PDB file of N, CA and C in Angstrom:
ATOM      1  N   UNK A   1     -78.051  86.530 -45.218  1.00  0.00           N
ATOM      2  CA  UNK A   1     -78.776  85.719 -44.210  1.00  0.00           C
ATOM      3  C   UNK A   1     -78.154  84.417 -44.207  1.00  0.00           C
ATOM      4  N   UNK A   2     -78.114  83.765 -42.983  1.00  0.00           N
ATOM      5  CA  UNK A   2     -77.544  82.534 -42.833  1.00  0.00           C
ATOM      6  C   UNK A   2     -78.388  81.332 -43.318  1.00  0.00           C
ATOM      7  N   UNK A   3     -77.773  80.278 -43.749  1.00  0.00           N
ATOM      8  CA  UNK A   3     -78.473  79.106 -44.162  1.00  0.00           C
ATOM      9  C   UNK A   3     -78.866  78.287 -42.955  1.00  0.00           C
ATOM     10  N   UNK A   4     -80.081  77.777 -42.946  1.00  0.00           N
ATOM     11  CA  UNK A   4     -80.456  76.908 -41.831  1.00  0.00           C
ATOM     12  C   UNK A   4     -80.032  75.481 -42.076  1.00  0.00           C
ATOM     13  N   UNK A   5     -79.750  74.737 -40.925  1.00  0.00           N
ATOM     14  CA  UNK A   5     -79.315  73.363 -41.043  1.00  0.00           C
ATOM     15  C   UNK A   5     -80.695  72.524 -41.003  1.00  0.00           C
ATOM     16  N   UNK A   6     -81.152  72.001 -42.148  1.00  0.00           N
ATOM     17  CA  UNK A   6     -82.372  71.246 -42.240  1.00  0.00           C
ATOM     18  C   UNK A   6     -82.597  70.149 -41.167  1.00  0.00           C
ATOM     19  N   UNK A   7     -81.421  69.466 -40.940  1.00  0.00           N
ATOM     20  CA  UNK A   7     -81.416  68.237 -40.112  1.00  0.00           C
ATOM     21  C   UNK A   7     -81.660  68.745 -38.571  1.00  0.00           C
ATOM     22  N   UNK A   8     -81.414  70.015 -38.349  1.00  0.00           N
ATOM     23  CA  UNK A   8     -81.607  70.483 -36.941  1.00  0.00           C
ATOM     24  C   UNK A   8     -83.010  71.138 -36.706  1.00  0.00           C
ATOM     25  N   UNK A   9     -83.678  71.365 -37.784  1.00  0.00           N
ATOM     26  CA  UNK A   9     -84.968  71.960 -37.699  1.00  0.00           C
ATOM     27  C   UNK A   9     -86.069  70.943 -37.206  1.00  0.00           C
ATOM     28  N   UNK A  10     -86.963  71.469 -36.313  1.00  0.00           N
ATOM     29  CA  UNK A  10     -87.979  70.607 -35.808  1.00  0.00           C
ATOM     30  C   UNK A  10     -89.315  71.238 -35.938  1.00  0.00           C
ATOM     31  N   UNK A  11     -90.370  70.518 -35.773  1.00  0.00           N
ATOM     32  CA  UNK A  11     -91.756  71.163 -35.949  1.00  0.00           C
ATOM     33  C   UNK A  11     -91.887  72.382 -35.087  1.00  0.00           C
ATOM     34  N   UNK A  12     -91.381  72.444 -33.929  1.00  0.00           N
ATOM     35  CA  UNK A  12     -91.475  73.551 -32.998  1.00  0.00           C
ATOM     36  C   UNK A  12     -90.818  74.807 -33.535  1.00  0.00           C
ATOM     37  N   UNK A  13     -89.905  74.661 -34.506  1.00  0.00           N
ATOM     38  CA  UNK A  13     -89.212  75.807 -35.170  1.00  0.00           C
ATOM     39  C   UNK A  13     -90.242  76.563 -36.101  1.00  0.00           C
ATOM     40  N   UNK A  14     -91.131  75.811 -36.607  1.00  0.00           N
ATOM     41  CA  UNK A  14     -92.150  76.257 -37.679  1.00  0.00           C
ATOM     42  C   UNK A  14     -93.503  76.723 -36.977  1.00  0.00           C
ATOM     43  N   UNK A  15     -93.820  75.990 -36.005  1.00  0.00           N
ATOM     44  CA  UNK A  15     -95.193  76.289 -35.390  1.00  0.00           C
ATOM     45  C   UNK A  15     -95.475  77.733 -35.090  1.00  0.00           C
ATOM     46  N   UNK A  16     -94.482  78.454 -34.481  1.00  0.00           N
ATOM     47  CA  UNK A  16     -94.767  79.886 -34.136  1.00  0.00           C
ATOM     48  C   UNK A  16     -94.842  80.773 -35.400  1.00  0.00           C
ATOM     49  N   UNK A  17     -94.471  80.266 -36.595  1.00  0.00           N
ATOM     50  CA  UNK A  17     -94.519  81.014 -37.766  1.00  0.00           C
ATOM     51  C   UNK A  17     -95.703  80.601 -38.715  1.00  0.00           C
ATOM     52  N   UNK A  18     -96.699  79.920 -38.220  1.00  0.00           N
ATOM     53  CA  UNK A  18     -97.958  79.604 -38.897  1.00  0.00           C
ATOM     54  C   UNK A  18     -98.620  80.922 -39.352  1.00  0.00           C
ATOM     55  N   UNK A  19     -98.974  81.034 -40.650  1.00  0.00           N
ATOM     56  CA  UNK A  19     -99.535  82.193 -41.233  1.00  0.00           C
ATOM     57  C   UNK A  19     -98.457  83.298 -41.512  1.00  0.00           C
ATOM     58  N   UNK A  20     -97.281  82.970 -41.354  1.00  0.00           N
ATOM     59  CA  UNK A  20     -96.158  84.018 -41.546  1.00  0.00           C
ATOM     60  C   UNK A  20     -95.792  83.915 -43.114  1.00  0.00           C
ATOM     61  N   UNK A  21     -95.170  84.988 -43.554  1.00  0.00           N
ATOM     62  CA  UNK A  21     -94.717  85.074 -44.812  1.00  0.00           C
ATOM     63  C   UNK A  21     -93.271  84.607 -45.058  1.00  0.00           C
ATOM     64  N   UNK A  22     -93.054  83.881 -46.142  1.00  0.00           N
ATOM     65  CA  UNK A  22     -91.722  83.289 -46.498  1.00  0.00           C
ATOM     66  C   UNK A  22     -91.598  83.770 -48.013  1.00  0.00           C
ATOM     67  N   UNK A  23     -90.377  83.678 -48.516  1.00  0.00           N
ATOM     68  CA  UNK A  23     -90.115  83.845 -49.924  1.00  0.00           C
ATOM     69  C   UNK A  23     -89.395  82.670 -50.549  1.00  0.00           C
ATOM     70  N   UNK A  24     -89.951  82.156 -51.678  1.00  0.00           N
ATOM     71  CA  UNK A  24     -89.352  81.087 -52.419  1.00  0.00           C
ATOM     72  C   UNK A  24     -88.592  81.686 -53.565  1.00  0.00           C
ATOM     73  N   UNK A  25     -87.333  81.399 -53.725  1.00  0.00           N
ATOM     74  CA  UNK A  25     -86.565  81.909 -54.851  1.00  0.00           C
ATOM     75  C   UNK A  25     -86.636  80.991 -55.974  1.00  0.00           C
ATOM     76  N   UNK A  26     -87.007  81.516 -57.207  1.00  0.00           N
ATOM     77  CA  UNK A  26     -87.247  80.726 -58.410  1.00  0.00           C
ATOM     78  C   UNK A  26     -86.328  81.366 -59.526  1.00  0.00           C
ATOM     79  N   UNK A  27     -86.145  80.707 -60.654  1.00  0.00           N
ATOM     80  CA  UNK A  27     -85.386  81.258 -61.701  1.00  0.00           C
ATOM     81  C   UNK A  27     -85.994  82.534 -62.210  1.00  0.00           C
ATOM     82  N   UNK A  28     -87.424  82.754 -62.081  1.00  0.00           N
ATOM     83  CA  UNK A  28     -88.042  83.924 -62.547  1.00  0.00           C
ATOM     84  C   UNK A  28     -88.071  85.074 -61.427  1.00  0.00           C
ATOM     85  N   UNK A  29     -87.624  84.750 -60.254  1.00  0.00           N
ATOM     86  CA  UNK A  29     -87.655  85.662 -59.130  1.00  0.00           C
ATOM     87  C   UNK A  29     -88.277  85.180 -57.961  1.00  0.00           C
ATOM     88  N   UNK A  30     -88.563  86.021 -56.927  1.00  0.00           N
ATOM     89  CA  UNK A  30     -89.060  85.545 -55.644  1.00  0.00           C
ATOM     90  C   UNK A  30     -90.591  85.365 -55.770  1.00  0.00           C
ATOM     91  N   UNK A  31     -91.094  84.283 -55.119  1.00  0.00           N
ATOM     92  CA  UNK A  31     -92.530  84.024 -55.040  1.00  0.00           C
ATOM     93  C   UNK A  31     -92.819  84.123 -53.456  1.00  0.00           C
ATOM     94  N   UNK A  32     -93.861  84.927 -53.146  1.00  0.00           N
ATOM     95  CA  UNK A  32     -94.247  84.946 -51.756  1.00  0.00           C
ATOM     96  C   UNK A  32     -95.004  83.708 -51.342  1.00  0.00           C
ATOM     97  N   UNK A  33     -94.715  83.254 -50.190  1.00  0.00           N
ATOM     98  CA  UNK A  33     -95.488  81.952 -49.649  1.00  0.00           C
ATOM     99  C   UNK A  33     -96.032  82.397 -48.296  1.00  0.00           C
ATOM    100  N   UNK A  34     -97.086  81.733 -47.893  1.00  0.00           N
ATOM    101  CA  UNK A  34     -97.679  81.803 -46.512  1.00  0.00           C
ATOM    102  C   UNK A  34     -97.561  80.490 -45.995  1.00  0.00           C
ATOM    103  N   UNK A  35     -97.099  80.285 -44.718  1.00  0.00           N
ATOM    104  CA  UNK A  35     -97.001  78.980 -44.092  1.00  0.00           C
ATOM    105  C   UNK A  35     -98.545  78.711 -43.609  1.00  0.00           C
ATOM    106  N   UNK A  36     -99.239  77.788 -44.228  1.00  0.00           N
ATOM    107  CA  UNK A  36    -100.667  77.609 -44.067  1.00  0.00           C
ATOM    108  C   UNK A  36    -100.908  76.368 -43.028  1.00  0.00           C
ATOM    109  N   UNK A  37     -99.954  75.517 -42.869  1.00  0.00           N
ATOM    110  CA  UNK A  37    -100.159  74.266 -42.086  1.00  0.00           C
ATOM    111  C   UNK A  37     -98.826  73.801 -41.601  1.00  0.00           C
ATOM    112  N   UNK A  38     -98.734  73.314 -40.380  1.00  0.00           N
ATOM    113  CA  UNK A  38     -97.647  72.682 -39.750  1.00  0.00           C
ATOM    114  C   UNK A  38     -98.260  71.440 -38.977  1.00  0.00           C
ATOM    115  N   UNK A  39     -97.934  70.249 -39.486  1.00  0.00           N
ATOM    116  CA  UNK A  39     -98.528  68.970 -38.910  1.00  0.00           C
ATOM    117  C   UNK A  39     -97.523  67.928 -38.684  1.00  0.00           C
ATOM    118  N   UNK A  40     -97.552  67.152 -37.521  1.00  0.00           N
ATOM    119  CA  UNK A  40     -96.762  66.014 -37.313  1.00  0.00           C
ATOM    120  C   UNK A  40     -97.090  65.039 -38.407  1.00  0.00           C
ATOM    121  N   UNK A  41     -96.011  64.248 -38.783  1.00  0.00           N
ATOM    122  CA  UNK A  41     -96.152  63.219 -39.731  1.00  0.00           C
ATOM    123  C   UNK A  41     -95.625  61.819 -39.308  1.00  0.00           C
ATOM    124  N   UNK A  42     -95.726  61.582 -38.058  1.00  0.00           N
ATOM    125  CA  UNK A  42     -95.305  60.297 -37.515  1.00  0.00           C
ATOM    126  C   UNK A  42     -93.914  60.197 -37.179  1.00  0.00           C
ATOM    127  N   UNK A  43     -93.510  58.941 -36.669  1.00  0.00           N
ATOM    128  CA  UNK A  43     -92.151  58.757 -36.171  1.00  0.00           C
ATOM    129  C   UNK A  43     -91.204  58.615 -37.282  1.00  0.00           C
ATOM    130  N   UNK A  44     -89.971  59.068 -37.032  1.00  0.00           N
ATOM    131  CA  UNK A  44     -88.934  58.909 -37.916  1.00  0.00           C
ATOM    132  C   UNK A  44     -87.544  59.019 -37.329  1.00  0.00           C
ATOM    133  N   UNK A  45     -86.457  58.885 -37.966  1.00  0.00           N
ATOM    134  CA  UNK A  45     -85.230  58.962 -37.377  1.00  0.00           C
ATOM    135  C   UNK A  45     -84.880  60.472 -36.930  1.00  0.00           C
ATOM    136  N   UNK A  46     -85.762  61.458 -37.226  1.00  0.00           N
ATOM    137  CA  UNK A  46     -85.481  62.751 -36.905  1.00  0.00           C
ATOM    138  C   UNK A  46     -85.939  62.993 -35.463  1.00  0.00           C
ATOM    139  N   UNK A  47     -85.073  63.679 -34.680  1.00  0.00           N
ATOM    140  CA  UNK A  47     -85.502  63.874 -33.226  1.00  0.00           C
ATOM    141  C   UNK A  47     -86.839  64.809 -33.264  1.00  0.00           C
ATOM    142  N   UNK A  48     -87.769  64.334 -32.482  1.00  0.00           N
ATOM    143  CA  UNK A  48     -89.089  65.084 -32.475  1.00  0.00           C
ATOM    144  C   UNK A  48     -90.092  64.523 -33.476  1.00  0.00           C
ATOM    145  N   UNK A  49     -89.571  63.700 -34.421  1.00  0.00           N
ATOM    146  CA  UNK A  49     -90.467  62.959 -35.434  1.00  0.00           C
ATOM    147  C   UNK A  49     -90.543  63.809 -36.722  1.00  0.00           C
ATOM    148  N   UNK A  50     -91.132  63.158 -37.638  1.00  0.00           N
ATOM    149  CA  UNK A  50     -91.397  63.851 -39.007  1.00  0.00           C
ATOM    150  C   UNK A  50     -92.524  64.826 -38.852  1.00  0.00           C
ATOM    151  N   UNK A  51     -92.362  65.754 -39.906  1.00  0.00           N
ATOM    152  CA  UNK A  51     -93.532  66.767 -39.849  1.00  0.00           C
ATOM    153  C   UNK A  51     -93.678  67.251 -41.321  1.00  0.00           C
ATOM    154  N   UNK A  52     -94.730  67.859 -41.539  1.00  0.00           N
ATOM    155  CA  UNK A  52     -95.251  68.352 -42.850  1.00  0.00           C
ATOM    156  C   UNK A  52     -95.491  69.823 -42.822  1.00  0.00           C
ATOM    157  N   UNK A  53     -95.128  70.589 -43.834  1.00  0.00           N
ATOM    158  CA  UNK A  53     -95.454  72.023 -43.981  1.00  0.00           C
ATOM    159  C   UNK A  53     -96.229  72.160 -45.333  1.00  0.00           C
ATOM    160  N   UNK A  54     -97.257  72.934 -45.179  1.00  0.00           N
ATOM    161  CA  UNK A  54     -98.046  73.391 -46.379  1.00  0.00           C
ATOM    162  C   UNK A  54     -97.916  74.944 -46.613  1.00  0.00           C
ATOM    163  N   UNK A  55     -97.305  75.324 -47.678  1.00  0.00           N
ATOM    164  CA  UNK A  55     -97.139  76.572 -48.010  1.00  0.00           C
ATOM    165  C   UNK A  55     -98.175  76.972 -49.219  1.00  0.00           C
ATOM    166  N   UNK A  56     -98.588  78.248 -49.133  1.00  0.00           N
ATOM    167  CA  UNK A  56     -99.625  78.763 -50.228  1.00  0.00           C
ATOM    168  C   UNK A  56     -98.915  79.931 -50.905  1.00  0.00           C
ATOM    169  N   UNK A  57     -98.815  79.774 -52.218  1.00  0.00           N
ATOM    170  CA  UNK A  57     -98.259  80.759 -53.077  1.00  0.00           C
ATOM    171  C   UNK A  57     -99.463  81.434 -53.798  1.00  0.00           C
ATOM    172  N   UNK A  58     -99.446  82.731 -54.319  1.00  0.00           N
ATOM    173  CA  UNK A  58    -100.499  83.268 -55.099  1.00  0.00           C
ATOM    174  C   UNK A  58    -100.789  82.291 -56.281  1.00  0.00           C
ATOM    175  N   UNK A  59    -102.137  82.423 -56.537  1.00  0.00           N
ATOM    176  CA  UNK A  59    -102.577  81.583 -57.792  1.00  0.00           C
ATOM    177  C   UNK A  59    -101.865  82.106 -59.000  1.00  0.00           C
ATOM    178  N   UNK A  60    -101.526  81.041 -59.848  1.00  0.00           N
ATOM    179  CA  UNK A  60    -100.760  81.452 -61.039  1.00  0.00           C
ATOM    180  C   UNK A  60    -100.115  80.113 -61.555  1.00  0.00           C
ATOM    181  N   UNK A  61     -99.109  80.259 -62.458  1.00  0.00           N
ATOM    182  CA  UNK A  61     -98.542  79.032 -62.991  1.00  0.00           C
ATOM    183  C   UNK A  61     -97.853  78.210 -61.956  1.00  0.00           C
ATOM    184  N   UNK A  62     -97.975  76.921 -62.035  1.00  0.00           N
ATOM    185  CA  UNK A  62     -97.441  76.028 -61.062  1.00  0.00           C
ATOM    186  C   UNK A  62     -95.945  75.902 -61.234  1.00  0.00           C
ATOM    187  N   UNK A  63     -95.254  75.838 -60.259  1.00  0.00           N
ATOM    188  CA  UNK A  63     -93.790  75.519 -60.263  1.00  0.00           C
ATOM    189  C   UNK A  63     -93.581  73.929 -60.171  1.00  0.00           C
ATOM    190  N   UNK A  64     -92.671  73.400 -60.845  1.00  0.00           N
ATOM    191  CA  UNK A  64     -92.460  71.941 -60.709  1.00  0.00           C
ATOM    192  C   UNK A  64     -91.825  71.584 -59.286  1.00  0.00           C
ATOM    193  N   UNK A  65     -92.087  70.373 -58.937  1.00  0.00           N
ATOM    194  CA  UNK A  65     -91.483  69.951 -57.661  1.00  0.00           C
ATOM    195  C   UNK A  65     -89.971  70.116 -57.792  1.00  0.00           C
ATOM    196  N   UNK A  66     -89.347  70.427 -56.680  1.00  0.00           N
ATOM    197  CA  UNK A  66     -87.932  70.527 -56.777  1.00  0.00           C
ATOM    198  C   UNK A  66     -87.473  71.216 -55.443  1.00  0.00           C
ATOM    199  N   UNK A  67     -86.110  71.430 -55.404  1.00  0.00           N
ATOM    200  CA  UNK A  67     -85.434  72.067 -54.213  1.00  0.00           C
ATOM    201  C   UNK A  67     -85.394  73.555 -54.510  1.00  0.00           C
ATOM    202  N   UNK A  68     -86.003  74.344 -53.579  1.00  0.00           N
ATOM    203  CA  UNK A  68     -86.006  75.842 -53.801  1.00  0.00           C
ATOM    204  C   UNK A  68     -85.477  76.512 -52.514  1.00  0.00           C
ATOM    205  N   UNK A  69     -84.684  77.502 -52.606  1.00  0.00           N
ATOM    206  CA  UNK A  69     -84.348  78.302 -51.498  1.00  0.00           C
ATOM    207  C   UNK A  69     -85.574  79.094 -50.938  1.00  0.00           C
ATOM    208  N   UNK A  70     -85.873  78.874 -49.628  1.00  0.00           N
ATOM    209  CA  UNK A  70     -87.020  79.483 -49.004  1.00  0.00           C
ATOM    210  C   UNK A  70     -86.454  80.329 -47.821  1.00  0.00           C
ATOM    211  N   UNK A  71     -86.818  81.563 -47.838  1.00  0.00           N
ATOM    212  CA  UNK A  71     -86.294  82.453 -46.821  1.00  0.00           C
ATOM    213  C   UNK A  71     -87.262  82.979 -45.877  1.00  0.00           C
ATOM    214  N   UNK A  72     -86.899  83.164 -44.536  1.00  0.00           N
ATOM    215  CA  UNK A  72     -87.748  83.710 -43.579  1.00  0.00           C
ATOM    216  C   UNK A  72     -86.769  84.443 -42.638  1.00  0.00           C
ATOM    217  N   UNK A  73     -87.257  85.618 -42.165  1.00  0.00           N
ATOM    218  CA  UNK A  73     -86.317  86.537 -41.308  1.00  0.00           C
ATOM    219  C   UNK A  73     -85.741  85.767 -40.092  1.00  0.00           C
ATOM    220  N   UNK A  74     -86.540  84.963 -39.416  1.00  0.00           N
ATOM    221  CA  UNK A  74     -86.159  84.311 -38.170  1.00  0.00           C
ATOM    222  C   UNK A  74     -85.409  83.006 -38.460  1.00  0.00           C
ATOM    223  N   UNK A  75     -85.784  82.261 -39.519  1.00  0.00           N
ATOM    224  CA  UNK A  75     -85.353  80.874 -39.732  1.00  0.00           C
ATOM    225  C   UNK A  75     -84.131  80.911 -40.676  1.00  0.00           C
ATOM    226  N   UNK A  76     -84.015  81.992 -41.472  1.00  0.00           N
ATOM    227  CA  UNK A  76     -82.887  82.033 -42.417  1.00  0.00           C
ATOM    228  C   UNK A  76     -83.258  81.489 -43.807  1.00  0.00           C
ATOM    229  N   UNK A  77     -82.274  80.972 -44.557  1.00  0.00           N
ATOM    230  CA  UNK A  77     -82.390  80.392 -45.886  1.00  0.00           C
ATOM    231  C   UNK A  77     -82.385  78.917 -45.757  1.00  0.00           C
ATOM    232  N   UNK A  78     -83.518  78.279 -46.204  1.00  0.00           N
ATOM    233  CA  UNK A  78     -83.631  76.816 -46.234  1.00  0.00           C
ATOM    234  C   UNK A  78     -83.770  76.299 -47.576  1.00  0.00           C
ATOM    235  N   UNK A  79     -82.995  75.289 -47.997  1.00  0.00           N
ATOM    236  CA  UNK A  79     -83.108  74.636 -49.265  1.00  0.00           C
ATOM    237  C   UNK A  79     -84.144  73.524 -49.072  1.00  0.00           C
ATOM    238  N   UNK A  80     -85.423  73.767 -49.464  1.00  0.00           N
ATOM    239  CA  UNK A  80     -86.583  72.777 -49.216  1.00  0.00           C
ATOM    240  C   UNK A  80     -87.014  72.164 -50.458  1.00  0.00           C
ATOM    241  N   UNK A  81     -87.274  70.914 -50.403  1.00  0.00           N
ATOM    242  CA  UNK A  81     -87.780  70.192 -51.559  1.00  0.00           C
ATOM    243  C   UNK A  81     -89.370  70.368 -51.444  1.00  0.00           C
ATOM    244  N   UNK A  82     -89.982  71.167 -52.330  1.00  0.00           N
ATOM    245  CA  UNK A  82     -91.329  71.432 -52.397  1.00  0.00           C
ATOM    246  C   UNK A  82     -92.102  70.724 -53.496  1.00  0.00           C
ATOM    247  N   UNK A  83     -93.358  70.210 -53.177  1.00  0.00           N
ATOM    248  CA  UNK A  83     -94.077  69.487 -54.146  1.00  0.00           C
ATOM    249  C   UNK A  83     -95.379  70.162 -54.303  1.00  0.00           C
ATOM    250  N   UNK A  84     -95.878  70.417 -55.426  1.00  0.00           N
ATOM    251  CA  UNK A  84     -97.272  71.055 -55.682  1.00  0.00           C
ATOM    252  C   UNK A  84     -98.317  70.039 -55.272  1.00  0.00           C
ATOM    253  N   UNK A  85     -99.306  70.564 -54.481  1.00  0.00           N
ATOM    254  CA  UNK A  85    -100.254  69.609 -53.910  1.00  0.00           C
ATOM    255  C   UNK A  85    -101.730  70.079 -54.240  1.00  0.00           C
ATOM    256  N   UNK A  86    -101.867  71.062 -55.079  1.00  0.00           N
ATOM    257  CA  UNK A  86    -103.232  71.473 -55.515  1.00  0.00           C
ATOM    258  C   UNK A  86    -103.541  72.841 -54.884  1.00  0.00           C
ATOM    259  N   UNK A  87    -104.704  73.270 -55.268  1.00  0.00           N
ATOM    260  CA  UNK A  87    -105.180  74.581 -54.781  1.00  0.00           C
ATOM    261  C   UNK A  87    -105.445  74.568 -53.339  1.00  0.00           C
ATOM    262  N   UNK A  88    -104.957  75.642 -52.601  1.00  0.00           N
ATOM    263  CA  UNK A  88    -105.133  75.683 -51.152  1.00  0.00           C
ATOM    264  C   UNK A  88    -105.383  77.198 -50.831  1.00  0.00           C
ATOM    265  N   UNK A  89    -106.378  77.462 -50.101  1.00  0.00           N
ATOM    266  CA  UNK A  89    -106.729  78.797 -49.690  1.00  0.00           C
ATOM    267  C   UNK A  89    -106.728  79.819 -50.862  1.00  0.00           C
ATOM    268  N   UNK A  90    -107.204  79.385 -52.056  1.00  0.00           N
ATOM    269  CA  UNK A  90    -107.356  80.318 -53.134  1.00  0.00           C
ATOM    270  C   UNK A  90    -105.949  80.438 -53.839  1.00  0.00           C
ATOM    271  N   UNK A  91    -104.985  79.724 -53.467  1.00  0.00           N
ATOM    272  CA  UNK A  91    -103.671  79.905 -54.211  1.00  0.00           C
ATOM    273  C   UNK A  91    -103.149  78.518 -54.535  1.00  0.00           C
ATOM    274  N   UNK A  92    -101.819  78.530 -54.844  1.00  0.00           N
ATOM    275  CA  UNK A  92    -101.116  77.193 -55.156  1.00  0.00           C
ATOM    276  C   UNK A  92    -100.519  76.596 -53.909  1.00  0.00           C
ATOM    277  N   UNK A  93    -100.871  75.404 -53.537  1.00  0.00           N
ATOM    278  CA  UNK A  93    -100.278  74.756 -52.381  1.00  0.00           C
ATOM    279  C   UNK A  93     -99.166  73.953 -52.742  1.00  0.00           C
ATOM    280  N   UNK A  94     -98.102  74.119 -51.865  1.00  0.00           N
ATOM    281  CA  UNK A  94     -96.878  73.282 -51.854  1.00  0.00           C
ATOM    282  C   UNK A  94     -96.597  72.637 -50.586  1.00  0.00           C
ATOM    283  N   UNK A  95     -96.150  71.430 -50.604  1.00  0.00           N
ATOM    284  CA  UNK A  95     -95.862  70.651 -49.380  1.00  0.00           C
ATOM    285  C   UNK A  95     -94.357  70.373 -49.217  1.00  0.00           C
ATOM    286  N   UNK A  96     -93.849  70.373 -48.011  1.00  0.00           N
ATOM    287  CA  UNK A  96     -92.493  69.949 -47.684  1.00  0.00           C
ATOM    288  C   UNK A  96     -92.709  68.985 -46.574  1.00  0.00           C
ATOM    289  N   UNK A  97     -92.004  67.789 -46.718  1.00  0.00           N
ATOM    290  CA  UNK A  97     -92.026  66.839 -45.608  1.00  0.00           C
ATOM    291  C   UNK A  97     -90.633  66.703 -45.125  1.00  0.00           C
ATOM    292  N   UNK A  98     -90.489  66.769 -43.804  1.00  0.00           N
ATOM    293  CA  UNK A  98     -89.137  66.540 -43.116  1.00  0.00           C
ATOM    294  C   UNK A  98     -89.207  65.222 -42.380  1.00  0.00           C
ATOM    295  N   UNK A  99     -88.404  64.322 -42.815  1.00  0.00           N
ATOM    296  CA  UNK A  99     -88.304  62.975 -42.226  1.00  0.00           C
ATOM    297  C   UNK A  99     -87.007  62.643 -41.576  1.00  0.00           C
TER     298      UNK A  99
END
């Protein structure tokens, strides 16, 4: 699967995939994620502006913030910096901000 160019991705690339399944690769194996929120995050140097993604993983041990390969059939493999943000929709919430 091809790697996505993070600089070229915009909020409109993620909006159609709200509630879709993604996979986060960790040293312990793949962790399923659901894209729970796609929100604008103000103006930035990024064409189309900054945006925020909230992913929800199954409830369990928290993964530390860091860069993880996240895969989606249509978007490819993305190396995304994810930060744990607390419980969301009964699971572990992780946020990525694109600026």
